[in-house]
Amino acid sequence: MRYSLIFILIIAALSSCGHPQRFNTEEELVNFIQENSPFNNTKIVNGYEFQLEYRPSDLLVAQHLNGRATNDSIIAALRKQYNKQLYFNLSISKHQKELLSVVPNSMQEFSRLNQTLSFGMSNKVHLYSKQKDTIELLDYNYPRLYGMSRATSMMFVFPNDFDALKDDYINFSIEDLGIQTGEIRFKIPTSLIKNQPTLVFN
């Protein structure tokens, strides 16, 4: 009897391997991401905190629906749409403040950094495969919060490059923004993307 129970537990464990984790609510999934590496990674250089968060596509589906009632066919269509891209949130702060609140020592520095954050991040942020093949940035969003947030936050959107995901990891890098941190690089396991957690939509 004891051996039968052990066998059942082993089979259950093996059958669960490789299957995405499922969450009943958006809040549960967000909490899971925020509390678990490598979905959420932080590096601190010269007092600046860089936090990179991978956003599973089901969170974009939930945002699109915004609580509206739906059905399986709509969910499938939205998942197909959002699964075509990869989504990353990047937050940068110092002393729990936005960059524009702590970095500039002059109006010229403020203007330069603001220009970079608003329009120049496509030249500063790169996603590339283990083989150094660049994955082209599709879009990024930088909401100005005018000192009301604890960090400068941006979302970056890249195509879901299936060739790059054949490697065991991809690299997300941020060139120096003029704040003397040098290049910041995050190594992202592709298994995180290929086996990303999902939401249960009612």
Protein backbone atom coordinates (compact mmCIF):
# COMPACT_ATOMS: atom_id res chain seq x y z
CA MET A 1 0.00 0.00 0.00
CA ARG A 2 2.84 2.36 0.95
CA TYR A 3 4.63 1.65 -2.34
CA SER A 4 1.42 2.26 -4.31
CA LEU A 5 1.05 5.66 -2.67
CA ILE A 6 4.66 6.56 -3.46
CA PHE A 7 4.15 5.50 -7.08
CA ILE A 8 1.04 7.67 -7.37
CA LEU A 9 2.87 10.69 -5.93
CA ILE A 10 5.76 10.22 -8.35
CA ILE A 11 3.42 10.00 -11.34
CA ALA A 12 1.56 13.11 -10.19
CA ALA A 13 4.81 15.03 -9.81
CA LEU A 14 6.05 13.96 -13.22
CA SER A 15 2.76 14.78 -14.92
CA SER A 16 2.85 18.30 -13.46
CA CYS A 17 6.33 19.02 -14.84
CA GLY A 18 6.35 21.23 -17.88
CA HIS A 19 2.79 22.46 -17.34
CA PRO A 20 2.20 26.17 -16.71
CA GLN A 21 1.05 27.25 -13.29
CA ARG A 22 -2.53 28.53 -13.28
CA PHE A 23 -3.95 31.31 -11.13
CA ASN A 24 -7.56 32.15 -10.43
CA THR A 25 -7.11 35.91 -10.19
CA GLU A 26 -4.94 38.60 -11.72
CA GLU A 27 -3.85 39.65 -8.23
CA GLU A 28 -2.57 36.15 -7.44
CA LEU A 29 -0.52 36.05 -10.64
CA VAL A 30 0.93 39.54 -10.11
CA ASN A 31 1.94 38.63 -6.54
CA PHE A 32 3.57 35.44 -7.78
CA ILE A 33 5.61 37.35 -10.38
CA GLN A 34 6.70 40.03 -7.93
CA GLU A 35 7.85 37.46 -5.38
CA ASN A 36 9.63 35.00 -7.66
CA SER A 37 12.88 35.14 -9.58
CA PRO A 38 13.50 34.93 -12.52
CA PHE A 39 10.15 36.59 -13.32
CA ASN A 40 11.32 39.52 -11.23
CA ASN A 41 15.03 40.36 -10.91
CA THR A 42 16.81 43.29 -9.29
CA LYS A 43 20.32 44.69 -9.70
CA ILE A 44 21.76 47.61 -7.75
CA VAL A 45 24.66 49.58 -9.24
CA ASN A 46 26.04 52.82 -7.76
CA GLY A 47 22.89 53.25 -5.69
CA TYR A 48 20.54 52.82 -8.68
CA GLU A 49 18.08 49.95 -8.48
CA PHE A 50 17.15 48.24 -11.76
CA GLN A 51 14.18 45.90 -11.56
CA LEU A 52 13.17 43.82 -14.58
CA GLU A 53 9.86 41.98 -14.58
CA TYR A 54 8.63 39.59 -17.25
CA ARG A 55 4.88 39.96 -17.80
CA PRO A 56 3.03 36.80 -18.91
CA SER A 57 0.72 37.49 -21.83
CA ASP A 58 -2.39 36.48 -19.86
CA LEU A 59 -1.93 39.65 -17.81
CA LEU A 60 -2.27 41.64 -21.03
CA VAL A 61 -5.38 39.63 -21.90
CA ALA A 62 -6.86 40.45 -18.49
CA GLN A 63 -6.00 44.13 -18.94
CA HIS A 64 -7.68 44.10 -22.36
CA LEU A 65 -10.84 42.54 -20.92
CA ASN A 66 -10.85 44.88 -17.90
CA GLY A 67 -13.30 42.69 -15.99
CA ARG A 68 -15.78 42.28 -18.84
CA ALA A 69 -17.62 38.97 -19.22
CA THR A 70 -16.32 36.80 -22.03
CA ASN A 71 -16.29 33.30 -23.52
CA ASP A 72 -13.70 30.69 -24.52
CA SER A 73 -13.48 31.76 -28.17
CA ILE A 74 -12.74 35.38 -27.25
CA ILE A 75 -10.10 34.26 -24.71
CA ALA A 76 -8.46 32.04 -27.33
CA ALA A 77 -8.39 34.89 -29.87
CA LEU A 78 -6.89 37.34 -27.36
CA ARG A 79 -4.27 34.83 -26.24
CA LYS A 80 -3.27 34.24 -29.84
CA GLN A 81 -2.94 38.01 -30.32
CA TYR A 82 -0.90 38.74 -27.18
CA ASN A 83 1.24 35.61 -27.38
CA LYS A 84 2.87 37.11 -30.47
CA GLN A 85 4.83 39.52 -28.24
CA LEU A 86 7.05 39.47 -25.16
CA TYR A 87 6.41 42.05 -22.44
CA PHE A 88 8.90 43.39 -19.93
CA ASN A 89 8.49 46.04 -17.24
CA LEU A 90 11.66 47.91 -16.32
CA SER A 91 11.81 50.10 -13.21
CA ILE A 92 14.79 52.28 -12.28
CA SER A 93 15.05 54.23 -9.03
CA LYS A 94 17.44 55.79 -6.55
CA HIS A 95 16.49 56.27 -2.89
CA GLN A 96 13.00 55.05 -3.94
CA LYS A 97 12.53 58.03 -6.25
CA GLU A 98 12.15 58.51 -10.00
CA LEU A 99 15.28 59.27 -12.01
CA LEU A 100 14.15 62.75 -12.98
CA SER A 101 13.71 63.55 -9.28
CA VAL A 102 17.24 62.59 -8.22
CA VAL A 103 19.62 62.66 -11.20
CA PRO A 104 19.64 66.08 -12.90
CA ASN A 105 21.93 68.76 -11.47
CA SER A 106 20.87 71.31 -14.09
CA MET A 107 18.10 72.04 -16.58
CA GLN A 108 20.37 70.73 -19.35
CA GLU A 109 20.77 67.37 -17.58
CA PHE A 110 17.04 67.22 -16.87
CA SER A 111 16.25 67.89 -20.53
CA ARG A 112 18.76 65.31 -21.77
CA LEU A 113 17.54 62.56 -19.44
CA ASN A 114 13.90 63.37 -20.11
CA GLN A 115 14.55 63.18 -23.86
CA THR A 116 16.26 59.81 -23.46
CA LEU A 117 13.48 58.34 -21.32
CA SER A 118 10.71 59.70 -23.55
CA PHE A 119 12.14 59.02 -27.01
CA GLY A 120 15.56 57.38 -26.83
CA MET A 121 15.10 54.09 -25.00
CA SER A 122 14.88 52.14 -28.26
CA ASN A 123 18.59 52.90 -28.63
CA LYS A 124 19.38 52.04 -25.02
CA VAL A 125 17.51 48.79 -24.37
CA HIS A 126 18.28 45.58 -26.27
CA LEU A 127 17.00 42.02 -26.26
CA TYR A 128 19.16 39.41 -27.92
CA SER A 129 19.60 35.68 -28.08
CA LYS A 130 22.40 33.59 -26.64
CA GLN A 131 23.91 33.67 -30.14
CA LYS A 132 23.92 37.52 -30.05
CA ASP A 133 21.05 37.83 -32.57
CA THR A 134 19.10 41.02 -31.80
CA ILE A 135 15.33 40.85 -31.28
CA GLU A 136 13.88 44.09 -32.60
CA LEU A 137 11.98 46.33 -30.19
CA LEU A 138 8.37 46.83 -31.30
CA ASP A 139 7.22 49.44 -28.81
CA TYR A 140 7.78 50.90 -25.38
CA ASN A 141 5.67 52.98 -23.06
CA TYR A 142 7.02 55.53 -20.58
CA PRO A 143 4.30 57.21 -18.48
CA ARG A 144 5.42 60.48 -16.89
CA LEU A 145 4.37 60.45 -13.23
CA TYR A 146 6.00 63.78 -12.28
CA GLY A 147 7.63 62.63 -9.06
CA MET A 148 4.52 60.84 -7.79
CA SER A 149 6.07 57.35 -8.07
CA ARG A 150 8.94 55.59 -6.31
CA ALA A 151 10.55 54.57 -9.61
CA THR A 152 10.81 55.39 -13.29
CA SER A 153 8.87 52.58 -14.98
CA MET A 154 8.60 51.55 -18.62
CA MET A 155 7.11 48.65 -20.57
CA PHE A 156 9.01 47.17 -23.51
CA VAL A 157 7.38 45.01 -26.17
CA PHE A 158 9.32 42.63 -28.40
CA PRO A 159 8.20 40.05 -30.95
CA ASN A 160 7.96 36.50 -29.68
CA ASP A 161 10.98 35.23 -31.62
CA PHE A 162 10.66 31.45 -31.65
CA ASP A 163 14.17 30.96 -33.06
CA ALA A 164 15.69 32.90 -30.15
CA LEU A 165 13.63 30.88 -27.68
CA LYS A 166 15.36 27.70 -28.83
CA ASP A 167 18.31 28.79 -26.68
CA ASP A 168 18.24 28.22 -22.94
CA TYR A 169 18.28 31.97 -22.24
CA ILE A 170 17.99 35.44 -23.80
CA ASN A 171 19.62 38.68 -22.65
CA PHE A 172 17.95 41.97 -21.74
CA SER A 173 20.46 44.83 -21.55
CA ILE A 174 20.26 48.53 -20.68
CA GLU A 175 23.04 50.82 -21.85
CA ASP A 176 24.27 53.51 -19.46
CA LEU A 177 21.69 56.31 -19.36
CA GLY A 178 24.31 58.86 -18.40
CA ILE A 179 24.14 57.93 -14.70
CA GLN A 180 27.50 56.09 -14.54
CA THR A 181 26.12 52.58 -14.08
CA GLY A 182 27.60 51.04 -17.21
CA GLU A 183 25.63 48.41 -19.08
CA ILE A 184 23.12 46.47 -16.98
CA ARG A 185 22.34 42.98 -18.22
CA PHE A 186 19.70 40.45 -17.19
CA LYS A 187 19.80 36.81 -18.30
CA ILE A 188 16.27 35.46 -18.83
CA PRO A 189 15.65 31.69 -19.04
CA THR A 190 13.53 30.92 -22.10
CA SER A 191 11.71 28.22 -20.13
CA LEU A 192 10.09 31.09 -18.22
CA ILE A 193 8.53 32.32 -21.48
CA LYS A 194 7.71 28.96 -23.05
CA ASN A 195 6.08 27.71 -19.85
CA GLN A 196 4.67 31.00 -18.53
CA PRO A 197 1.88 30.98 -15.92
CA THR A 198 -1.69 31.52 -17.04
CA LEU A 199 -4.97 32.83 -15.67
CA VAL A 200 -8.26 31.01 -15.30
CA PHE A 201 -10.84 33.20 -17.03
CA ASN A 202 -14.42 32.67 -15.91
